[in-house]
Amino acid sequence: MALELHPNDNAREAHPTLWIFSGPTIGFVPLAVLASICSFMILSRNGLDWWVAILVSTLPCVAIAGLAHFFLNGKPPSYLFDLLALASWRLRCWLYFAGWMDRPPIFSVRAKAPRHPREFNL
């Protein structure tokens, strides 16, 4: 059986991976660690017990891992922003139905440039 050569372009398509973080989301790992260390230092210097400070300071790591797992991995690039736009629209609808807004919300209407007064021919 002859050895077959398969061309690959791995050098051109580098996708670093660490646990559930892959590609561009790998940049969130140092941010999560930095936020955890900073929150632990702040909490421990303000007199909180060490075990409470550790529990609270792991929340940024858990939150960023959850964000990467549920909203970024295997989803289209605009998935998170689409969900945020939908949540914003639902909140505005709820505010309108609760009576806290005067006008109903408008979803996905492009802003039009104002017309010049010469177009009215008065």
PDB file of N, CA and C in Angstrom:
ATOM      1  N   MET A   1       0.855  -1.168   0.000  1.00  0.00           N
ATOM      2  CA  MET A   1       0.000   0.000   0.000  1.00  0.00           C
ATOM      3  C   MET A   1       0.899   1.228   0.000  1.00  0.00           C
ATOM      4  N   ALA A   2       0.654   2.129  -0.921  1.00  0.00           N
ATOM      5  CA  ALA A   2       1.492   3.317  -1.069  1.00  0.00           C
ATOM      6  C   ALA A   2       1.077   4.384  -0.068  1.00  0.00           C
ATOM      7  N   LEU A   3       2.039   5.170   0.301  1.00  0.00           N
ATOM      8  CA  LEU A   3       1.795   6.272   1.223  1.00  0.00           C
ATOM      9  C   LEU A   3       1.173   7.426   0.455  1.00  0.00           C
ATOM     10  N   GLU A   4       0.031   7.919   0.915  1.00  0.00           N
ATOM     11  CA  GLU A   4      -0.642   9.026   0.242  1.00  0.00           C
ATOM     12  C   GLU A   4      -0.311  10.327   0.951  1.00  0.00           C
ATOM     13  N   LEU A   5      -0.043  11.349   0.192  1.00  0.00           N
ATOM     14  CA  LEU A   5       0.219  12.670   0.737  1.00  0.00           C
ATOM     15  C   LEU A   5      -1.040  13.519   0.600  1.00  0.00           C
ATOM     16  N   HIS A   6      -1.426  14.121   1.686  1.00  0.00           N
ATOM     17  CA  HIS A   6      -2.592  14.997   1.689  1.00  0.00           C
ATOM     18  C   HIS A   6      -2.120  16.407   2.023  1.00  0.00           C
ATOM     19  N   PRO A   7      -2.332  17.354   1.129  1.00  0.00           N
ATOM     20  CA  PRO A   7      -1.907  18.720   1.446  1.00  0.00           C
ATOM     21  C   PRO A   7      -2.789  19.315   2.542  1.00  0.00           C
ATOM     22  N   ASN A   8      -2.164  20.020   3.437  1.00  0.00           N
ATOM     23  CA  ASN A   8      -2.933  20.714   4.465  1.00  0.00           C
ATOM     24  C   ASN A   8      -2.360  22.114   4.646  1.00  0.00           C
ATOM     25  N   ASP A   9      -3.202  23.001   5.028  1.00  0.00           N
ATOM     26  CA  ASP A   9      -2.812  24.392   5.233  1.00  0.00           C
ATOM     27  C   ASP A   9      -3.024  24.761   6.697  1.00  0.00           C
ATOM     28  N   ASN A  10      -2.531  23.948   7.584  1.00  0.00           N
ATOM     29  CA  ASN A  10      -2.716  24.205   9.001  1.00  0.00           C
ATOM     30  C   ASN A  10      -2.047  25.490   9.454  1.00  0.00           C
ATOM     31  N   ALA A  11      -0.949  25.846   8.819  1.00  0.00           N
ATOM     32  CA  ALA A  11      -0.252  27.063   9.221  1.00  0.00           C
ATOM     33  C   ALA A  11      -1.075  28.302   8.895  1.00  0.00           C
ATOM     34  N   ARG A  12      -1.895  28.213   7.877  1.00  0.00           N
ATOM     35  CA  ARG A  12      -2.705  29.373   7.496  1.00  0.00           C
ATOM     36  C   ARG A  12      -3.991  29.460   8.292  1.00  0.00           C
ATOM     37  N   GLU A  13      -4.427  28.371   8.875  1.00  0.00           N
ATOM     38  CA  GLU A  13      -5.681  28.356   9.616  1.00  0.00           C
ATOM     39  C   GLU A  13      -5.425  27.932  11.056  1.00  0.00           C
ATOM     40  N   ALA A  14      -4.669  28.719  11.774  1.00  0.00           N
ATOM     41  CA  ALA A  14      -4.359  28.369  13.155  1.00  0.00           C
ATOM     42  C   ALA A  14      -5.562  28.656  14.045  1.00  0.00           C
ATOM     43  N   HIS A  15      -5.957  27.663  14.793  1.00  0.00           N
ATOM     44  CA  HIS A  15      -7.053  27.799  15.744  1.00  0.00           C
ATOM     45  C   HIS A  15      -6.564  27.314  17.103  1.00  0.00           C
ATOM     46  N   PRO A  16      -6.050  28.221  17.932  1.00  0.00           N
ATOM     47  CA  PRO A  16      -5.598  27.777  19.252  1.00  0.00           C
ATOM     48  C   PRO A  16      -6.790  27.301  20.074  1.00  0.00           C
ATOM     49  N   THR A  17      -6.564  26.299  20.881  1.00  0.00           N
ATOM     50  CA  THR A  17      -7.636  25.720  21.671  1.00  0.00           C
ATOM     51  C   THR A  17      -7.150  25.450  23.084  1.00  0.00           C
ATOM     52  N   LEU A  18      -7.967  25.828  24.046  1.00  0.00           N
ATOM     53  CA  LEU A  18      -7.720  25.529  25.441  1.00  0.00           C
ATOM     54  C   LEU A  18      -9.063  25.265  26.093  1.00  0.00           C
ATOM     55  N   TRP A  19      -9.315  24.030  26.429  1.00  0.00           N
ATOM     56  CA  TRP A  19     -10.556  23.578  27.019  1.00  0.00           C
ATOM     57  C   TRP A  19     -11.713  23.922  26.096  1.00  0.00           C
ATOM     58  N   ILE A  20     -12.678  24.763  26.484  1.00  0.00           N
ATOM     59  CA  ILE A  20     -13.798  25.107  25.607  1.00  0.00           C
ATOM     60  C   ILE A  20     -13.527  26.378  24.821  1.00  0.00           C
ATOM     61  N   PHE A  21     -12.406  27.008  25.052  1.00  0.00           N
ATOM     62  CA  PHE A  21     -12.067  28.241  24.352  1.00  0.00           C
ATOM     63  C   PHE A  21     -11.286  27.880  23.097  1.00  0.00           C
ATOM     64  N   SER A  22     -11.751  28.374  21.955  1.00  0.00           N
ATOM     65  CA  SER A  22     -11.039  28.098  20.709  1.00  0.00           C
ATOM     66  C   SER A  22     -11.144  29.316  19.804  1.00  0.00           C
ATOM     67  N   GLY A  23     -10.123  29.506  19.005  1.00  0.00           N
ATOM     68  CA  GLY A  23     -10.100  30.633  18.079  1.00  0.00           C
ATOM     69  C   GLY A  23      -9.984  31.952  18.810  1.00  0.00           C
ATOM     70  N   PRO A  24     -10.802  32.936  18.422  1.00  0.00           N
ATOM     71  CA  PRO A  24     -10.717  34.259  19.050  1.00  0.00           C
ATOM     72  C   PRO A  24     -11.130  34.283  20.515  1.00  0.00           C
ATOM     73  N   THR A  25     -11.921  33.311  20.953  1.00  0.00           N
ATOM     74  CA  THR A  25     -12.360  33.318  22.348  1.00  0.00           C
ATOM     75  C   THR A  25     -11.246  32.944  23.308  1.00  0.00           C
ATOM     76  N   ILE A  26     -10.101  32.511  22.799  1.00  0.00           N
ATOM     77  CA  ILE A  26      -8.977  32.189  23.670  1.00  0.00           C
ATOM     78  C   ILE A  26      -8.475  33.444  24.380  1.00  0.00           C
ATOM     79  N   GLY A  27      -8.761  34.600  23.832  1.00  0.00           N
ATOM     80  CA  GLY A  27      -8.365  35.855  24.466  1.00  0.00           C
ATOM     81  C   GLY A  27      -9.132  36.162  25.730  1.00  0.00           C
ATOM     82  N   PHE A  28     -10.267  35.480  25.933  1.00  0.00           N
ATOM     83  CA  PHE A  28     -11.038  35.690  27.144  1.00  0.00           C
ATOM     84  C   PHE A  28     -10.405  35.037  28.371  1.00  0.00           C
ATOM     85  N   VAL A  29      -9.543  34.044  28.154  1.00  0.00           N
ATOM     86  CA  VAL A  29      -8.933  33.328  29.282  1.00  0.00           C
ATOM     87  C   VAL A  29      -8.087  34.257  30.144  1.00  0.00           C
ATOM     88  N   PRO A  30      -7.144  35.033  29.564  1.00  0.00           N
ATOM     89  CA  PRO A  30      -6.376  35.930  30.439  1.00  0.00           C
ATOM     90  C   PRO A  30      -7.230  37.008  31.094  1.00  0.00           C
ATOM     91  N   LEU A  31      -8.279  37.455  30.404  1.00  0.00           N
ATOM     92  CA  LEU A  31      -9.160  38.449  31.006  1.00  0.00           C
ATOM     93  C   LEU A  31      -9.902  37.873  32.211  1.00  0.00           C
ATOM     94  N   ALA A  32     -10.337  36.632  32.111  1.00  0.00           N
ATOM     95  CA  ALA A  32     -11.024  35.997  33.233  1.00  0.00           C
ATOM     96  C   ALA A  32     -10.085  35.788  34.405  1.00  0.00           C
ATOM     97  N   VAL A  33      -8.862  35.367  34.122  1.00  0.00           N
ATOM     98  CA  VAL A  33      -7.886  35.158  35.197  1.00  0.00           C
ATOM     99  C   VAL A  33      -7.535  36.489  35.856  1.00  0.00           C
ATOM    100  N   LEU A  34      -7.357  37.517  35.046  1.00  0.00           N
ATOM    101  CA  LEU A  34      -7.045  38.844  35.588  1.00  0.00           C
ATOM    102  C   LEU A  34      -8.185  39.363  36.468  1.00  0.00           C
ATOM    103  N   ALA A  35      -9.414  39.204  36.010  1.00  0.00           N
ATOM    104  CA  ALA A  35     -10.561  39.650  36.804  1.00  0.00           C
ATOM    105  C   ALA A  35     -10.674  38.853  38.099  1.00  0.00           C
ATOM    106  N   SER A  36     -10.383  37.568  38.049  1.00  0.00           N
ATOM    107  CA  SER A  36     -10.452  36.741  39.257  1.00  0.00           C
ATOM    108  C   SER A  36      -9.384  37.138  40.264  1.00  0.00           C
ATOM    109  N   ILE A  37      -8.165  37.347  39.789  1.00  0.00           N
ATOM    110  CA  ILE A  37      -7.087  37.730  40.700  1.00  0.00           C
ATOM    111  C   ILE A  37      -7.351  39.096  41.314  1.00  0.00           C
ATOM    112  N   CYS A  38      -7.783  40.042  40.498  1.00  0.00           N
ATOM    113  CA  CYS A  38      -8.062  41.387  41.017  1.00  0.00           C
ATOM    114  C   CYS A  38      -9.203  41.364  42.038  1.00  0.00           C
ATOM    115  N   SER A  39     -10.259  40.630  41.739  1.00  0.00           N
ATOM    116  CA  SER A  39     -11.374  40.576  42.699  1.00  0.00           C
ATOM    117  C   SER A  39     -10.954  39.862  43.977  1.00  0.00           C
ATOM    118  N   PHE A  40     -10.121  38.824  43.880  1.00  0.00           N
ATOM    119  CA  PHE A  40      -9.649  38.155  45.095  1.00  0.00           C
ATOM    120  C   PHE A  40      -8.797  39.098  45.940  1.00  0.00           C
ATOM    121  N   MET A  41      -7.909  39.856  45.295  1.00  0.00           N
ATOM    122  CA  MET A  41      -7.065  40.785  46.046  1.00  0.00           C
ATOM    123  C   MET A  41      -7.899  41.866  46.722  1.00  0.00           C
ATOM    124  N   ILE A  42      -8.887  42.408  46.013  1.00  0.00           N
ATOM    125  CA  ILE A  42      -9.733  43.454  46.589  1.00  0.00           C
ATOM    126  C   ILE A  42     -10.539  42.911  47.764  1.00  0.00           C
ATOM    127  N   LEU A  43     -11.121  41.728  47.591  1.00  0.00           N
ATOM    128  CA  LEU A  43     -11.941  41.156  48.660  1.00  0.00           C
ATOM    129  C   LEU A  43     -11.107  40.754  49.873  1.00  0.00           C
ATOM    130  N   SER A  44      -9.925  40.200  49.636  1.00  0.00           N
ATOM    131  CA  SER A  44      -9.111  39.772  50.768  1.00  0.00           C
ATOM    132  C   SER A  44      -8.520  40.957  51.522  1.00  0.00           C
ATOM    133  N   ARG A  45      -8.224  42.031  50.833  1.00  0.00           N
ATOM    134  CA  ARG A  45      -7.697  43.220  51.508  1.00  0.00           C
ATOM    135  C   ARG A  45      -8.769  43.990  52.264  1.00  0.00           C
ATOM    136  N   ASN A  46     -10.010  43.743  51.941  1.00  0.00           N
ATOM    137  CA  ASN A  46     -11.103  44.400  52.667  1.00  0.00           C
ATOM    138  C   ASN A  46     -11.632  43.555  53.815  1.00  0.00           C
ATOM    139  N   GLY A  47     -10.902  42.505  54.174  1.00  0.00           N
ATOM    140  CA  GLY A  47     -11.231  41.757  55.370  1.00  0.00           C
ATOM    141  C   GLY A  47     -12.202  40.612  55.197  1.00  0.00           C
ATOM    142  N   LEU A  48     -12.488  40.191  53.991  1.00  0.00           N
ATOM    143  CA  LEU A  48     -13.384  39.063  53.778  1.00  0.00           C
ATOM    144  C   LEU A  48     -12.616  37.767  54.041  1.00  0.00           C
ATOM    145  N   ASP A  49     -13.304  36.757  54.534  1.00  0.00           N
ATOM    146  CA  ASP A  49     -12.653  35.467  54.755  1.00  0.00           C
ATOM    147  C   ASP A  49     -12.112  34.923  53.435  1.00  0.00           C
ATOM    148  N   TRP A  50     -11.048  34.122  53.527  1.00  0.00           N
ATOM    149  CA  TRP A  50     -10.387  33.666  52.318  1.00  0.00           C
ATOM    150  C   TRP A  50     -11.267  32.745  51.491  1.00  0.00           C
ATOM    151  N   TRP A  51     -12.106  31.916  52.129  1.00  0.00           N
ATOM    152  CA  TRP A  51     -12.925  30.986  51.369  1.00  0.00           C
ATOM    153  C   TRP A  51     -14.068  31.704  50.656  1.00  0.00           C
ATOM    154  N   VAL A  52     -14.584  32.762  51.263  1.00  0.00           N
ATOM    155  CA  VAL A  52     -15.623  33.564  50.602  1.00  0.00           C
ATOM    156  C   VAL A  52     -15.012  34.339  49.430  1.00  0.00           C
ATOM    157  N   ALA A  53     -13.804  34.863  49.641  1.00  0.00           N
ATOM    158  CA  ALA A  53     -13.120  35.603  48.578  1.00  0.00           C
ATOM    159  C   ALA A  53     -12.818  34.692  47.388  1.00  0.00           C
ATOM    160  N   ILE A  54     -12.442  33.454  47.650  1.00  0.00           N
ATOM    161  CA  ILE A  54     -12.167  32.515  46.551  1.00  0.00           C
ATOM    162  C   ILE A  54     -13.450  32.182  45.798  1.00  0.00           C
ATOM    163  N   LEU A  55     -14.547  31.947  46.532  1.00  0.00           N
ATOM    164  CA  LEU A  55     -15.815  31.635  45.874  1.00  0.00           C
ATOM    165  C   LEU A  55     -16.293  32.798  44.996  1.00  0.00           C
ATOM    166  N   VAL A  56     -16.210  34.011  45.520  1.00  0.00           N
ATOM    167  CA  VAL A  56     -16.670  35.173  44.759  1.00  0.00           C
ATOM    168  C   VAL A  56     -15.726  35.464  43.591  1.00  0.00           C
ATOM    169  N   SER A  57     -14.430  35.256  43.784  1.00  0.00           N
ATOM    170  CA  SER A  57     -13.484  35.594  42.727  1.00  0.00           C
ATOM    171  C   SER A  57     -13.476  34.575  41.589  1.00  0.00           C
ATOM    172  N   THR A  58     -14.068  33.410  41.773  1.00  0.00           N
ATOM    173  CA  THR A  58     -14.173  32.463  40.658  1.00  0.00           C
ATOM    174  C   THR A  58     -15.349  32.775  39.739  1.00  0.00           C
ATOM    175  N   LEU A  59     -16.227  33.679  40.144  1.00  0.00           N
ATOM    176  CA  LEU A  59     -17.394  34.011  39.321  1.00  0.00           C
ATOM    177  C   LEU A  59     -17.029  34.580  37.943  1.00  0.00           C
ATOM    178  N   PRO A  60     -16.000  35.443  37.795  1.00  0.00           N
ATOM    179  CA  PRO A  60     -15.655  35.879  36.437  1.00  0.00           C
ATOM    180  C   PRO A  60     -15.214  34.735  35.528  1.00  0.00           C
ATOM    181  N   CYS A  61     -14.467  33.777  36.058  1.00  0.00           N
ATOM    182  CA  CYS A  61     -14.055  32.622  35.244  1.00  0.00           C
ATOM    183  C   CYS A  61     -15.261  31.789  34.825  1.00  0.00           C
ATOM    184  N   VAL A  62     -16.182  31.569  35.746  1.00  0.00           N
ATOM    185  CA  VAL A  62     -17.379  30.792  35.437  1.00  0.00           C
ATOM    186  C   VAL A  62     -18.250  31.526  34.425  1.00  0.00           C
ATOM    187  N   ALA A  63     -18.388  32.843  34.593  1.00  0.00           N
ATOM    188  CA  ALA A  63     -19.223  33.628  33.676  1.00  0.00           C
ATOM    189  C   ALA A  63     -18.645  33.636  32.262  1.00  0.00           C
ATOM    190  N   ILE A  64     -17.344  33.801  32.133  1.00  0.00           N
ATOM    191  CA  ILE A  64     -16.736  33.850  30.796  1.00  0.00           C
ATOM    192  C   ILE A  64     -16.731  32.469  30.163  1.00  0.00           C
ATOM    193  N   ALA A  65     -16.544  31.412  30.957  1.00  0.00           N
ATOM    194  CA  ALA A  65     -16.633  30.061  30.407  1.00  0.00           C
ATOM    195  C   ALA A  65     -18.057  29.761  29.945  1.00  0.00           C
ATOM    196  N   GLY A  66     -19.049  30.201  30.704  1.00  0.00           N
ATOM    197  CA  GLY A  66     -20.444  30.025  30.284  1.00  0.00           C
ATOM    198  C   GLY A  66     -20.770  30.806  29.029  1.00  0.00           C
ATOM    199  N   LEU A  67     -20.250  32.017  28.931  1.00  0.00           N
ATOM    200  CA  LEU A  67     -20.450  32.825  27.730  1.00  0.00           C
ATOM    201  C   LEU A  67     -19.857  32.133  26.515  1.00  0.00           C
ATOM    202  N   ALA A  68     -18.647  31.633  26.635  1.00  0.00           N
ATOM    203  CA  ALA A  68     -18.002  30.967  25.505  1.00  0.00           C
ATOM    204  C   ALA A  68     -18.730  29.677  25.141  1.00  0.00           C
ATOM    205  N   HIS A  69     -19.167  28.935  26.142  1.00  0.00           N
ATOM    206  CA  HIS A  69     -19.794  27.637  25.866  1.00  0.00           C
ATOM    207  C   HIS A  69     -21.192  27.779  25.271  1.00  0.00           C
ATOM    208  N   PHE A  70     -22.001  28.658  25.836  1.00  0.00           N
ATOM    209  CA  PHE A  70     -23.397  28.740  25.420  1.00  0.00           C
ATOM    210  C   PHE A  70     -23.674  29.730  24.295  1.00  0.00           C
ATOM    211  N   PHE A  71     -22.831  30.755  24.131  1.00  0.00           N
ATOM    212  CA  PHE A  71     -23.158  31.796  23.165  1.00  0.00           C
ATOM    213  C   PHE A  71     -22.142  31.979  22.040  1.00  0.00           C
ATOM    214  N   LEU A  72     -20.942  31.423  22.136  1.00  0.00           N
ATOM    215  CA  LEU A  72     -19.930  31.669  21.119  1.00  0.00           C
ATOM    216  C   LEU A  72     -19.493  30.425  20.362  1.00  0.00           C
ATOM    217  N   ASN A  73     -19.307  29.299  21.031  1.00  0.00           N
ATOM    218  CA  ASN A  73     -18.814  28.088  20.374  1.00  0.00           C
ATOM    219  C   ASN A  73     -19.896  27.444  19.518  1.00  0.00           C
ATOM    220  N   GLY A  74     -19.587  27.237  18.247  1.00  0.00           N
ATOM    221  CA  GLY A  74     -20.517  26.578  17.351  1.00  0.00           C
ATOM    222  C   GLY A  74     -21.699  27.419  16.924  1.00  0.00           C
ATOM    223  N   LYS A  75     -21.648  28.707  17.141  1.00  0.00           N
ATOM    224  CA  LYS A  75     -22.754  29.599  16.777  1.00  0.00           C
ATOM    225  C   LYS A  75     -22.273  30.580  15.706  1.00  0.00           C
ATOM    226  N   PRO A  76     -23.187  31.178  14.956  1.00  0.00           N
ATOM    227  CA  PRO A  76     -22.791  32.219  14.001  1.00  0.00           C
ATOM    228  C   PRO A  76     -22.191  33.418  14.726  1.00  0.00           C
ATOM    229  N   PRO A  77     -21.365  34.211  14.041  1.00  0.00           N
ATOM    230  CA  PRO A  77     -20.716  35.344  14.713  1.00  0.00           C
ATOM    231  C   PRO A  77     -21.680  36.358  15.312  1.00  0.00           C
ATOM    232  N   SER A  78     -22.855  36.522  14.729  1.00  0.00           N
ATOM    233  CA  SER A  78     -23.784  37.540  15.224  1.00  0.00           C
ATOM    234  C   SER A  78     -24.794  36.980  16.224  1.00  0.00           C
ATOM    235  N   TYR A  79     -24.633  35.751  16.683  1.00  0.00           N
ATOM    236  CA  TYR A  79     -25.626  35.098  17.541  1.00  0.00           C
ATOM    237  C   TYR A  79     -25.839  35.859  18.843  1.00  0.00           C
ATOM    238  N   LEU A  80     -24.766  36.231  19.515  1.00  0.00           N
ATOM    239  CA  LEU A  80     -24.884  36.918  20.796  1.00  0.00           C
ATOM    240  C   LEU A  80     -25.535  38.289  20.625  1.00  0.00           C
ATOM    241  N   PHE A  81     -25.154  39.024  19.580  1.00  0.00           N
ATOM    242  CA  PHE A  81     -25.734  40.351  19.366  1.00  0.00           C
ATOM    243  C   PHE A  81     -27.206  40.249  18.959  1.00  0.00           C
ATOM    244  N   ASP A  82     -27.565  39.203  18.221  1.00  0.00           N
ATOM    245  CA  ASP A  82     -28.978  39.003  17.882  1.00  0.00           C
ATOM    246  C   ASP A  82     -29.805  38.714  19.126  1.00  0.00           C
ATOM    247  N   LEU A  83     -29.269  37.903  20.025  1.00  0.00           N
ATOM    248  CA  LEU A  83     -29.980  37.630  21.272  1.00  0.00           C
ATOM    249  C   LEU A  83     -30.112  38.885  22.127  1.00  0.00           C
ATOM    250  N   LEU A  84     -29.061  39.697  22.166  1.00  0.00           N
ATOM    251  CA  LEU A  84     -29.136  40.941  22.936  1.00  0.00           C
ATOM    252  C   LEU A  84     -30.149  41.906  22.334  1.00  0.00           C
ATOM    253  N   ALA A  85     -30.220  41.975  21.001  1.00  0.00           N
ATOM    254  CA  ALA A  85     -31.208  42.834  20.349  1.00  0.00           C
ATOM    255  C   ALA A  85     -32.630  42.348  20.641  1.00  0.00           C
ATOM    256  N   LEU A  86     -32.832  41.027  20.623  1.00  0.00           N
ATOM    257  CA  LEU A  86     -34.151  40.481  20.932  1.00  0.00           C
ATOM    258  C   LEU A  86     -34.530  40.742  22.382  1.00  0.00           C
ATOM    259  N   ALA A  87     -33.577  40.577  23.301  1.00  0.00           N
ATOM    260  CA  ALA A  87     -33.864  40.843  24.713  1.00  0.00           C
ATOM    261  C   ALA A  87     -34.175  42.312  24.941  1.00  0.00           C
ATOM    262  N   SER A  88     -33.464  43.199  24.242  1.00  0.00           N
ATOM    263  CA  SER A  88     -33.735  44.633  24.358  1.00  0.00           C
ATOM    264  C   SER A  88     -35.136  44.958  23.847  1.00  0.00           C
ATOM    265  N   TRP A  89     -35.529  44.354  22.733  1.00  0.00           N
ATOM    266  CA  TRP A  89     -36.858  44.589  22.187  1.00  0.00           C
ATOM    267  C   TRP A  89     -37.943  44.055  23.121  1.00  0.00           C
ATOM    268  N   ARG A  90     -37.718  42.882  23.711  1.00  0.00           N
ATOM    269  CA  ARG A  90     -38.694  42.332  24.641  1.00  0.00           C
ATOM    270  C   ARG A  90     -38.821  43.210  25.884  1.00  0.00           C
ATOM    271  N   LEU A  91     -37.695  43.748  26.364  1.00  0.00           N
ATOM    272  CA  LEU A  91     -37.745  44.651  27.519  1.00  0.00           C
ATOM    273  C   LEU A  91     -38.528  45.910  27.186  1.00  0.00           C
ATOM    274  N   ARG A  92     -38.299  46.474  25.990  1.00  0.00           N
ATOM    275  CA  ARG A  92     -39.043  47.674  25.603  1.00  0.00           C
ATOM    276  C   ARG A  92     -40.527  47.383  25.427  1.00  0.00           C
ATOM    277  N   CYS A  93     -40.872  46.193  24.922  1.00  0.00           N
ATOM    278  CA  CYS A  93     -42.294  45.809  24.828  1.00  0.00           C
ATOM    279  C   CYS A  93     -42.912  45.699  26.213  1.00  0.00           C
ATOM    280  N   TRP A  94     -42.192  45.085  27.141  1.00  0.00           N
ATOM    281  CA  TRP A  94     -42.703  44.952  28.501  1.00  0.00           C
ATOM    282  C   TRP A  94     -42.886  46.322  29.142  1.00  0.00           C
ATOM    283  N   LEU A  95     -41.927  47.238  28.923  1.00  0.00           N
ATOM    284  CA  LEU A  95     -42.055  48.587  29.466  1.00  0.00           C
ATOM    285  C   LEU A  95     -43.256  49.311  28.867  1.00  0.00           C
ATOM    286  N   TYR A  96     -43.515  49.093  27.573  1.00  0.00           N
ATOM    287  CA  TYR A  96     -44.660  49.722  26.936  1.00  0.00           C
ATOM    288  C   TYR A  96     -45.972  49.170  27.506  1.00  0.00           C
ATOM    289  N   PHE A  97     -46.071  47.843  27.633  1.00  0.00           N
ATOM    290  CA  PHE A  97     -47.301  47.255  28.150  1.00  0.00           C
ATOM    291  C   PHE A  97     -47.502  47.558  29.629  1.00  0.00           C
ATOM    292  N   ALA A  98     -46.431  47.820  30.355  1.00  0.00           N
ATOM    293  CA  ALA A  98     -46.550  48.180  31.766  1.00  0.00           C
ATOM    294  C   ALA A  98     -46.927  49.650  31.928  1.00  0.00           C
ATOM    295  N   GLY A  99     -46.900  50.410  30.829  1.00  0.00           N
ATOM    296  CA  GLY A  99     -47.288  51.810  30.888  1.00  0.00           C
ATOM    297  C   GLY A  99     -46.142  52.757  31.180  1.00  0.00           C
ATOM    298  N   TRP A 100     -44.928  52.303  31.063  1.00  0.00           N
ATOM    299  CA  TRP A 100     -43.776  53.147  31.362  1.00  0.00           C
ATOM    300  C   TRP A 100     -43.206  53.824  30.128  1.00  0.00           C
ATOM    301  N   MET A 101     -43.717  53.492  28.935  1.00  0.00           N
ATOM    302  CA  MET A 101     -43.289  54.138  27.689  1.00  0.00           C
ATOM    303  C   MET A 101     -44.525  54.674  26.983  1.00  0.00           C
ATOM    304  N   ASP A 102     -44.352  55.782  26.267  1.00  0.00           N
ATOM    305  CA  ASP A 102     -45.481  56.403  25.575  1.00  0.00           C
ATOM    306  C   ASP A 102     -45.806  55.717  24.252  1.00  0.00           C
ATOM    307  N   ARG A 103     -44.765  55.326  23.521  1.00  0.00           N
ATOM    308  CA  ARG A 103     -44.960  54.730  22.203  1.00  0.00           C
ATOM    309  C   ARG A 103     -44.494  53.283  22.206  1.00  0.00           C
ATOM    310  N   PRO A 104     -45.106  52.434  21.378  1.00  0.00           N
ATOM    311  CA  PRO A 104     -44.641  51.050  21.293  1.00  0.00           C
ATOM    312  C   PRO A 104     -43.261  50.999  20.641  1.00  0.00           C
ATOM    313  N   PRO A 105     -42.460  49.993  20.977  1.00  0.00           N
ATOM    314  CA  PRO A 105     -41.116  49.910  20.402  1.00  0.00           C
ATOM    315  C   PRO A 105     -41.160  49.522  18.936  1.00  0.00           C
ATOM    316  N   ILE A 106     -40.160  49.967  18.216  1.00  0.00           N
ATOM    317  CA  ILE A 106     -40.038  49.654  16.800  1.00  0.00           C
ATOM    318  C   ILE A 106     -38.834  48.735  16.652  1.00  0.00           C
ATOM    319  N   PHE A 107     -39.040  47.598  15.988  1.00  0.00           N
ATOM    320  CA  PHE A 107     -37.971  46.617  15.826  1.00  0.00           C
ATOM    321  C   PHE A 107     -37.448  46.651  14.401  1.00  0.00           C
ATOM    322  N   SER A 108     -36.180  46.831  14.259  1.00  0.00           N
ATOM    323  CA  SER A 108     -35.438  46.767  12.993  1.00  0.00           C
ATOM    324  C   SER A 108     -35.973  47.700  11.911  1.00  0.00           C
ATOM    325  N   VAL A 109     -36.065  48.962  12.221  1.00  0.00           N
ATOM    326  CA  VAL A 109     -36.419  49.963  11.224  1.00  0.00           C
ATOM    327  C   VAL A 109     -35.177  50.806  10.967  1.00  0.00           C
ATOM    328  N   ARG A 110     -34.789  50.888   9.716  1.00  0.00           N
ATOM    329  CA  ARG A 110     -33.606  51.671   9.386  1.00  0.00           C
ATOM    330  C   ARG A 110     -33.945  53.156   9.400  1.00  0.00           C
ATOM    331  N   ALA A 111     -33.020  53.917   9.944  1.00  0.00           N
ATOM    332  CA  ALA A 111     -33.229  55.360   9.997  1.00  0.00           C
ATOM    333  C   ALA A 111     -33.093  55.950   8.596  1.00  0.00           C
ATOM    334  N   LYS A 112     -34.034  56.826   8.254  1.00  0.00           N
ATOM    335  CA  LYS A 112     -33.987  57.480   6.946  1.00  0.00           C
ATOM    336  C   LYS A 112     -33.413  58.873   7.116  1.00  0.00           C
ATOM    337  N   ALA A 113     -32.694  59.317   6.110  1.00  0.00           N
ATOM    338  CA  ALA A 113     -32.143  60.665   6.139  1.00  0.00           C
ATOM    339  C   ALA A 113     -33.298  61.655   6.012  1.00  0.00           C
ATOM    340  N   PRO A 114     -33.255  62.753   6.756  1.00  0.00           N
ATOM    341  CA  PRO A 114     -34.335  63.732   6.641  1.00  0.00           C
ATOM    342  C   PRO A 114     -34.368  64.356   5.248  1.00  0.00           C
ATOM    343  N   ARG A 115     -35.571  64.687   4.797  1.00  0.00           N
ATOM    344  CA  ARG A 115     -35.716  65.266   3.468  1.00  0.00           C
ATOM    345  C   ARG A 115     -35.353  66.741   3.498  1.00  0.00           C
ATOM    346  N   HIS A 116     -34.783  67.195   2.414  1.00  0.00           N
ATOM    347  CA  HIS A 116     -34.413  68.597   2.306  1.00  0.00           C
ATOM    348  C   HIS A 116     -35.664  69.422   2.010  1.00  0.00           C
ATOM    349  N   PRO A 117     -35.758  70.652   2.535  1.00  0.00           N
ATOM    350  CA  PRO A 117     -36.963  71.462   2.305  1.00  0.00           C
ATOM    351  C   PRO A 117     -37.237  71.762   0.833  1.00  0.00           C
ATOM    352  N   ARG A 118     -36.224  71.723  -0.024  1.00  0.00           N
ATOM    353  CA  ARG A 118     -36.462  71.979  -1.457  1.00  0.00           C
ATOM    354  C   ARG A 118     -37.370  70.918  -2.081  1.00  0.00           C
ATOM    355  N   GLU A 119     -37.471  69.757  -1.482  1.00  0.00           N
ATOM    356  CA  GLU A 119     -38.273  68.684  -2.048  1.00  0.00           C
ATOM    357  C   GLU A 119     -39.769  68.902  -1.849  1.00  0.00           C
ATOM    358  N   PHE A 120     -40.166  69.815  -0.985  1.00  0.00           N
ATOM    359  CA  PHE A 120     -41.574  70.006  -0.699  1.00  0.00           C
ATOM    360  C   PHE A 120     -42.272  70.935  -1.692  1.00  0.00           C
ATOM    361  N   ASN A 121     -41.526  71.786  -2.398  1.00  0.00           N
ATOM    362  CA  ASN A 121     -42.080  72.698  -3.413  1.00  0.00           C
ATOM    363  C   ASN A 121     -43.261  73.502  -2.898  1.00  0.00           C
ATOM    364  N   LEU A 122     -43.032  74.243  -1.848  1.00  0.00           N
ATOM    365  CA  LEU A 122     -44.117  75.040  -1.284  1.00  0.00           C
ATOM    366  C   LEU A 122     -44.260  76.337  -1.957  1.00  0.00           C
TER     367      LEU A 122
END
